[in-house]
Amino acid sequence: MSRAVNKSYVLDEVDSEGICESDPTLEQIEKETAKIREGWSEKKRQSRRVTKYSQFVAPSIHMDEWAASIASASGSSF
């Protein structure tokens, strides 16, 4: 999926504090993100929802499953 780039947000001259004249304002960012979220399905909304009770859980895999997947890909067994 590709989105057109709003050329007014492309960085050009950056000052000593890293701020560019063409940096979007908070209001512009909020408006653009709201437009993006309008196209989300309910499933996508739920998957992206963050609450104060949300916490990051790193993806994991059981080592036996990992070893089996390596073995099946190489044609050998452990």
Protein backbone atom coordinates (compact mmCIF):
# COMPACT_ATOMS: atom_id res chain seq x y z
CA MET A 1 0.00 0.00 0.00
CA SER A 2 1.46 3.37 -0.90
CA ARG A 3 0.38 6.84 0.07
CA ALA A 4 1.16 10.05 -1.71
CA VAL A 5 3.74 12.11 0.11
CA ASN A 6 2.69 15.61 1.04
CA LYS A 7 5.68 17.54 -0.31
CA SER A 8 5.21 20.28 2.30
CA TYR A 9 6.47 17.79 4.92
CA VAL A 10 9.69 16.91 3.11
CA LEU A 11 12.68 18.26 5.02
CA ASP A 12 14.81 20.89 3.38
CA GLU A 13 16.64 23.51 5.47
CA VAL A 14 17.05 22.45 9.11
CA ASP A 15 18.11 24.88 11.81
CA SER A 16 20.56 24.20 14.65
CA GLU A 17 17.76 22.73 16.79
CA GLY A 18 16.72 20.28 14.06
CA ILE A 19 13.56 22.22 13.21
CA CYS A 20 12.59 22.76 9.61
CA GLU A 21 10.18 25.37 8.28
CA SER A 22 8.26 22.62 6.53
CA ASP A 23 7.88 20.40 9.64
CA PRO A 24 4.18 19.64 10.20
CA THR A 25 2.41 21.16 13.16
CA LEU A 26 0.77 19.00 15.81
CA GLU A 27 -2.62 19.87 14.34
CA GLN A 28 -1.51 18.77 10.85
CA ILE A 29 -0.21 15.48 12.24
CA GLU A 30 -3.46 14.84 14.14
CA LYS A 31 -5.51 15.59 11.01
CA GLU A 32 -3.44 13.25 8.81
CA THR A 33 -3.48 10.41 11.34
CA ALA A 34 -7.25 10.77 11.76
CA LYS A 35 -7.62 10.40 7.97
CA ILE A 36 -5.52 7.23 8.04
CA ARG A 37 -7.51 5.74 10.94
CA GLU A 38 -10.80 6.36 9.09
CA GLY A 39 -9.84 3.57 6.68
CA TRP A 40 -9.13 1.02 9.41
CA SER A 41 -11.39 -1.96 9.98
CA GLU A 42 -12.59 -2.73 13.51
CA LYS A 43 -10.08 -5.59 13.66
CA LYS A 44 -7.24 -3.20 12.77
CA ARG A 45 -8.49 -0.68 15.37
CA GLN A 46 -8.46 -3.34 18.06
CA SER A 47 -4.98 -4.54 17.11
CA ARG A 48 -3.63 -0.98 17.33
CA ARG A 49 -5.50 0.05 20.47
CA VAL A 50 -3.25 1.02 23.38
CA THR A 51 -4.58 1.43 26.87
CA LYS A 52 -2.96 2.33 30.14
CA TYR A 53 -2.95 -1.40 30.88
CA SER A 54 -1.19 -2.34 27.63
CA GLN A 55 2.32 -3.66 27.83
CA PHE A 56 4.84 -4.82 25.29
CA VAL A 57 5.35 -8.57 25.05
CA ALA A 58 8.24 -9.69 22.91
CA PRO A 59 7.46 -12.35 20.31
CA SER A 60 8.62 -15.79 21.36
CA ILE A 61 9.01 -19.27 19.93
CA HIS A 62 9.61 -22.54 21.69
CA MET A 63 13.12 -23.84 20.96
CA ASP A 64 11.81 -27.27 19.90
CA GLU A 65 9.59 -25.60 17.29
CA TRP A 66 12.51 -23.51 16.08
CA ALA A 67 14.83 -26.52 15.82
CA ALA A 68 12.15 -28.50 13.96
CA SER A 69 11.61 -25.65 11.48
CA ILE A 70 15.38 -25.46 10.82
CA ALA A 71 15.58 -29.23 10.42
CA SER A 72 12.67 -29.37 8.00
CA ALA A 73 14.10 -26.54 5.93
CA SER A 74 17.51 -28.21 5.66
CA GLY A 75 16.22 -31.78 5.34
CA SER A 76 17.97 -33.04 8.48
CA SER A 77 16.83 -33.75 12.02
CA PHE A 78 18.10 -32.94 15.50
